[in-house]
């Protein structure tokens, strides 16, 4: 009776082929899971935690508008003859980023949206509205142009730009970074969403480069002195978080890539282990 044996080099080749096949399957599985996680980005839509609009009018600089169903942005110079003044409006919003990944590198986009519903004065269509990062804390029901909190108390907490002895409607207006993070043009007509790309700002909030005190939206060309020709007022009104229909409230939409899953990482690890064995 004859006995047949498989040469060692043939047996080794078969073992190596089996390992290579297992390696291919493991790496393919890992790639599948990794690809699924990275390609299918997630999106979270956040509602504002607070919002308010503030006015530089001498009669409005100490008035809080935090409970109104609208936000306002305006560039304006008007009043009674001989008593005209700048009457600019700015809007403030905050967003809690607790539902956003703590790794800024995973964020691919971030968009702020306001629903534009009214233009009571001169048509602001085409004007540029800017988003700035607020650099100090403020309270929705305590902030005005003059103060960031306790506006109706004996000891209001002023914005840093307020100086004692100067009329309240001149300084104030919020503490914010001078350079705009985003800008957008007012739509040609009302009943449209106006959006800003704030990806860079949100990433800075997440990685701690900037403190998240919220954002401020203002006309990029506010009127600070008499432009001549009498009354000028470009005014846009937006729905606020207090508006009855939630479909038209402000939002911050953040898109991000989920972190690699445990299974994907395990697959990669198995693939590397098998790769080492196949070389032996």
Protein backbone atom coordinates (compact mmCIF):
# COMPACT_ATOMS: atom_id res chain seq x y z
CA UNK A 1 0.00 0.00 0.00
CA UNK A 2 1.44 3.29 -1.07
CA UNK A 3 1.35 6.34 1.16
CA UNK A 4 1.19 9.76 -0.40
CA UNK A 5 2.40 12.85 1.40
CA UNK A 6 2.00 16.50 0.49
CA UNK A 7 5.31 18.26 0.14
CA UNK A 8 5.86 20.88 2.79
CA UNK A 9 6.09 23.68 0.25
CA UNK A 10 2.66 22.73 -1.20
CA UNK A 11 1.08 22.55 2.29
CA UNK A 12 2.55 25.94 3.13
CA UNK A 13 1.15 27.43 -0.07
CA UNK A 14 -2.33 26.11 0.76
CA UNK A 15 -2.18 27.50 4.27
CA UNK A 16 -0.98 30.81 2.94
CA UNK A 17 -3.80 30.85 0.38
CA UNK A 18 -6.38 30.19 3.11
CA UNK A 19 -4.93 32.97 5.27
CA UNK A 20 -4.94 35.34 2.32
CA UNK A 21 -8.59 34.51 1.63
CA UNK A 22 -9.47 35.09 5.28
CA UNK A 23 -7.49 38.31 5.19
CA UNK A 24 -9.40 39.46 2.12
CA UNK A 25 -12.74 38.72 3.76
CA UNK A 26 -11.76 40.45 7.01
CA UNK A 27 -10.47 43.55 5.27
CA UNK A 28 -13.49 43.61 2.99
CA UNK A 29 -15.83 43.44 5.95
CA UNK A 30 -13.92 46.16 7.76
CA UNK A 31 -13.90 48.34 4.66
CA UNK A 32 -17.63 47.84 4.27
CA UNK A 33 -18.36 48.88 7.85
CA UNK A 34 -15.84 51.72 7.76
CA UNK A 35 -17.20 52.96 4.46
CA UNK A 36 -20.77 52.81 5.71
CA UNK A 37 -19.88 54.87 8.76
CA UNK A 38 -17.88 57.49 6.86
CA UNK A 39 -20.05 57.85 3.76
CA UNK A 40 -23.41 58.05 5.48
CA UNK A 41 -23.10 61.32 7.38
CA UNK A 42 -25.57 62.15 10.12
CA UNK A 43 -27.40 65.45 10.48
CA UNK A 44 -28.80 67.00 13.65
CA UNK A 45 -31.12 70.02 13.60
CA UNK A 46 -30.95 72.17 16.71
CA UNK A 47 -33.48 74.71 17.97
CA UNK A 48 -32.16 77.88 19.61
CA UNK A 49 -31.88 77.83 23.38
CA UNK A 50 -32.51 81.59 23.44
CA UNK A 51 -33.00 84.48 21.04
CA UNK A 52 -33.63 88.20 21.17
CA UNK A 53 -33.36 91.33 19.04
CA UNK A 54 -31.90 94.56 20.31
CA UNK A 55 -32.39 98.17 19.18
CA UNK A 56 -30.01 101.14 19.17
CA UNK A 57 -32.92 103.63 19.26
CA UNK A 58 -32.70 106.03 22.19
CA UNK A 59 -36.21 104.89 23.13
CA UNK A 60 -35.46 101.20 22.60
CA UNK A 61 -31.94 100.69 23.94
CA UNK A 62 -33.30 99.69 27.33
CA UNK A 63 -36.21 97.57 26.03
CA UNK A 64 -36.10 93.76 26.05
CA UNK A 65 -37.73 91.85 23.17
CA UNK A 66 -36.89 88.31 24.23
CA UNK A 67 -40.49 87.11 24.39
CA UNK A 68 -41.53 88.27 20.93
CA UNK A 69 -42.43 85.88 18.12
CA UNK A 70 -40.01 87.58 15.75
CA UNK A 71 -36.41 88.70 15.32
CA UNK A 72 -35.37 91.88 13.53
CA UNK A 73 -32.36 93.15 11.62
CA UNK A 74 -32.33 96.78 10.50
CA UNK A 75 -30.09 99.53 9.18
CA UNK A 76 -31.86 102.82 9.75
CA UNK A 77 -31.61 106.57 10.28
CA UNK A 78 -34.83 108.39 11.05
CA UNK A 79 -36.94 110.27 13.56
CA UNK A 80 -38.58 113.66 13.77
CA UNK A 81 -36.97 116.52 11.81
CA UNK A 82 -33.97 117.83 13.72
CA UNK A 83 -33.98 114.79 15.98
CA UNK A 84 -32.98 111.91 13.69
CA UNK A 85 -30.66 109.16 14.91
CA UNK A 86 -29.35 105.69 14.01
CA UNK A 87 -31.93 103.03 14.76
CA UNK A 88 -30.21 99.76 13.96
CA UNK A 89 -31.50 96.35 15.03
CA UNK A 90 -29.46 93.19 15.66
CA UNK A 91 -30.55 89.64 16.46
CA UNK A 92 -28.92 87.28 18.97
CA UNK A 93 -29.24 83.48 19.22
CA UNK A 94 -27.68 80.63 21.23
CA UNK A 95 -27.54 76.91 20.43
CA UNK A 96 -26.66 74.01 22.73
CA UNK A 97 -24.19 71.71 20.93
CA UNK A 98 -24.63 68.77 23.30
CA UNK A 99 -25.98 66.59 20.47
CA UNK A 100 -22.96 67.32 18.24
CA UNK A 101 -19.80 65.12 18.35
CA UNK A 102 -17.06 66.53 20.53
CA UNK A 103 -14.52 66.07 17.71
CA UNK A 104 -14.59 69.12 15.43
CA UNK A 105 -12.85 67.15 12.66
CA UNK A 106 -15.98 65.03 12.23
CA UNK A 107 -18.14 68.06 11.40
CA UNK A 108 -18.59 68.57 7.65
CA UNK A 109 -21.07 71.48 7.58
CA UNK A 110 -23.17 73.75 9.78
CA UNK A 111 -25.96 76.07 8.65
CA UNK A 112 -28.02 78.66 10.52
CA UNK A 113 -31.45 79.45 9.11
CA UNK A 114 -34.01 82.21 9.78
CA UNK A 115 -37.42 82.46 8.12
CA UNK A 116 -37.84 85.88 6.50
CA UNK A 117 -41.50 86.93 6.60
CA UNK A 118 -41.81 90.72 6.54
CA UNK A 119 -40.21 93.92 5.20
CA UNK A 120 -42.17 96.80 6.80
CA UNK A 121 -40.01 99.66 5.50
CA UNK A 122 -37.66 100.04 2.53
CA UNK A 123 -37.04 96.73 0.78
CA UNK A 124 -33.81 95.17 2.19
CA UNK A 125 -33.51 92.68 -0.71
CA UNK A 126 -29.87 92.16 -1.67
CA UNK A 127 -28.45 93.69 1.50
CA UNK A 128 -25.74 91.65 3.20
CA UNK A 129 -26.42 90.32 6.68
CA UNK A 130 -23.44 89.08 8.68
CA UNK A 131 -23.01 86.46 11.40
CA UNK A 132 -20.61 87.34 14.23
CA UNK A 133 -19.58 85.29 17.23
CA UNK A 134 -20.71 86.72 20.57
CA UNK A 135 -17.88 87.00 23.07
CA UNK A 136 -19.82 87.46 26.30
CA UNK A 137 -22.73 85.74 28.04
CA UNK A 138 -26.21 87.28 27.82
CA UNK A 139 -29.74 86.45 28.92
CA UNK A 140 -32.73 86.18 26.61
CA UNK A 141 -35.10 88.02 28.97
CA UNK A 142 -32.44 90.29 30.46
CA UNK A 143 -30.64 91.69 27.41
CA UNK A 144 -31.09 94.95 25.52
CA UNK A 145 -28.87 97.12 23.34
CA UNK A 146 -27.51 98.66 26.52
CA UNK A 147 -27.25 95.63 28.83
CA UNK A 148 -26.60 91.93 28.50
CA UNK A 149 -28.57 91.11 31.65
CA UNK A 150 -30.74 92.69 34.36
CA UNK A 151 -31.90 95.44 31.99
CA UNK A 152 -34.80 96.38 34.30
CA UNK A 153 -32.86 96.16 37.56
CA UNK A 154 -31.08 98.93 39.46
CA UNK A 155 -27.75 97.31 38.57
CA UNK A 156 -27.89 96.15 34.90
CA UNK A 157 -24.95 94.12 33.59
CA UNK A 158 -23.70 96.22 30.69
CA UNK A 159 -22.06 94.94 27.53
CA UNK A 160 -18.34 95.61 27.70
CA UNK A 161 -18.67 98.32 25.05
CA UNK A 162 -20.96 100.42 27.29
CA UNK A 163 -19.25 103.36 29.01
CA UNK A 164 -20.81 105.21 31.92
CA UNK A 165 -21.80 108.75 31.10
CA UNK A 166 -22.46 108.11 27.41
CA UNK A 167 -26.11 107.79 26.30
CA UNK A 168 -27.09 104.13 26.27
CA UNK A 169 -28.22 104.09 22.65
CA UNK A 170 -24.75 104.99 21.34
CA UNK A 171 -22.54 102.20 22.75
CA UNK A 172 -23.62 98.67 23.61
CA UNK A 173 -25.18 96.46 20.98
CA UNK A 174 -23.51 93.22 22.05
CA UNK A 175 -19.95 92.02 22.56
CA UNK A 176 -18.93 90.23 19.38
CA UNK A 177 -15.95 89.39 17.20
CA UNK A 178 -15.29 92.16 14.69
CA UNK A 179 -14.75 89.81 11.76
CA UNK A 180 -17.87 88.13 10.36
CA UNK A 181 -17.87 84.34 10.18
CA UNK A 182 -20.51 84.24 7.46
CA UNK A 183 -22.62 86.51 5.30
CA UNK A 184 -25.68 86.14 3.07
CA UNK A 185 -27.91 88.38 1.01
CA UNK A 186 -31.52 89.08 1.92
CA UNK A 187 -33.86 87.22 -0.50
CA UNK A 188 -35.70 89.08 -3.23
CA UNK A 189 -39.01 88.61 -1.43
CA UNK A 190 -40.51 87.52 1.86
CA UNK A 191 -41.60 84.02 2.93
CA UNK A 192 -38.19 82.57 2.22
CA UNK A 193 -35.48 80.99 4.37
CA UNK A 194 -32.27 82.92 4.76
CA UNK A 195 -29.26 80.77 5.62
CA UNK A 196 -25.61 81.23 6.57
CA UNK A 197 -22.73 78.74 6.42
CA UNK A 198 -21.31 78.76 9.97
CA UNK A 199 -19.19 75.61 9.71
CA UNK A 200 -15.99 77.36 10.81
CA UNK A 201 -17.69 78.97 13.81
CA UNK A 202 -19.32 75.75 15.01
CA UNK A 203 -16.00 73.89 14.71
CA UNK A 204 -14.36 76.58 16.84
CA UNK A 205 -17.09 76.20 19.45
CA UNK A 206 -16.64 72.43 19.50
CA UNK A 207 -12.84 72.41 19.74
CA UNK A 208 -12.79 75.25 22.27
CA UNK A 209 -11.07 77.84 20.06
CA UNK A 210 -14.03 80.15 20.75
CA UNK A 211 -16.45 80.14 23.67
CA UNK A 212 -20.01 79.35 22.67
CA UNK A 213 -21.94 82.44 23.77
CA UNK A 214 -24.05 82.29 20.64
CA UNK A 215 -24.08 84.44 17.53
CA UNK A 216 -25.20 87.88 16.44
CA UNK A 217 -26.73 88.78 13.06
CA UNK A 218 -26.48 92.36 11.81
CA UNK A 219 -26.66 94.37 8.62
CA UNK A 220 -23.18 94.52 7.13
CA UNK A 221 -23.65 98.22 6.37
CA UNK A 222 -25.35 99.71 9.41
CA UNK A 223 -26.19 103.42 9.26
CA UNK A 224 -24.29 105.38 11.90
CA UNK A 225 -24.57 108.94 10.58
CA UNK A 226 -27.01 111.00 8.56
CA UNK A 227 -26.93 109.70 4.98
CA UNK A 228 -28.92 112.71 3.80
CA UNK A 229 -32.29 112.66 2.13
CA UNK A 230 -34.35 112.17 5.26
CA UNK A 231 -35.58 108.84 6.60
CA UNK A 232 -33.77 105.62 5.63
CA UNK A 233 -34.85 102.26 7.01
CA UNK A 234 -34.03 98.77 5.67
CA UNK A 235 -35.82 96.35 7.95
CA UNK A 236 -36.16 92.55 7.77
CA UNK A 237 -38.23 90.50 10.19
CA UNK A 238 -37.74 86.81 10.92
CA UNK A 239 -39.62 84.23 12.98
CA UNK A 240 -38.18 83.58 16.44
CA UNK A 241 -38.17 80.51 18.68
CA UNK A 242 -41.36 81.81 20.32
CA UNK A 243 -43.31 81.68 17.06
CA UNK A 244 -46.34 79.36 17.27
CA UNK A 245 -45.49 77.18 14.25
CA UNK A 246 -42.24 75.32 14.96
CA UNK A 247 -41.69 74.70 11.23
CA UNK A 248 -40.69 78.36 10.84
CA UNK A 249 -38.49 78.80 13.89
CA UNK A 250 -34.72 79.41 13.65
CA UNK A 251 -32.46 76.37 13.39
CA UNK A 252 -28.85 75.25 13.35
CA UNK A 253 -28.28 72.20 11.16
CA UNK A 254 -25.01 70.34 11.72
CA UNK A 255 -23.81 67.48 9.50
CA UNK A 256 -21.04 65.22 10.71
CA UNK A 257 -19.37 61.89 10.01
CA UNK A 258 -19.97 59.32 12.79
CA UNK A 259 -16.91 57.94 14.54
CA UNK A 260 -15.74 54.50 13.26
CA UNK A 261 -17.73 51.68 14.83
CA UNK A 262 -16.22 49.15 17.20
CA UNK A 263 -16.93 46.37 14.69
CA UNK A 264 -15.10 48.25 11.93
CA UNK A 265 -12.07 48.76 14.14
CA UNK A 266 -12.13 45.08 15.15
CA UNK A 267 -12.21 44.08 11.49
CA UNK A 268 -9.20 46.20 10.72
CA UNK A 269 -7.36 44.73 13.68
CA UNK A 270 -8.16 41.16 12.57
CA UNK A 271 -7.01 41.98 9.07
CA UNK A 272 -3.67 43.25 10.33
CA UNK A 273 -3.19 40.16 12.52
CA UNK A 274 -3.89 37.80 9.65
CA UNK A 275 -1.58 39.82 7.42
CA UNK A 276 1.28 39.27 9.82
CA UNK A 277 0.60 35.53 10.03
CA UNK A 278 0.49 35.18 6.25
CA UNK A 279 4.08 36.39 6.05
CA UNK A 280 5.38 33.67 8.37
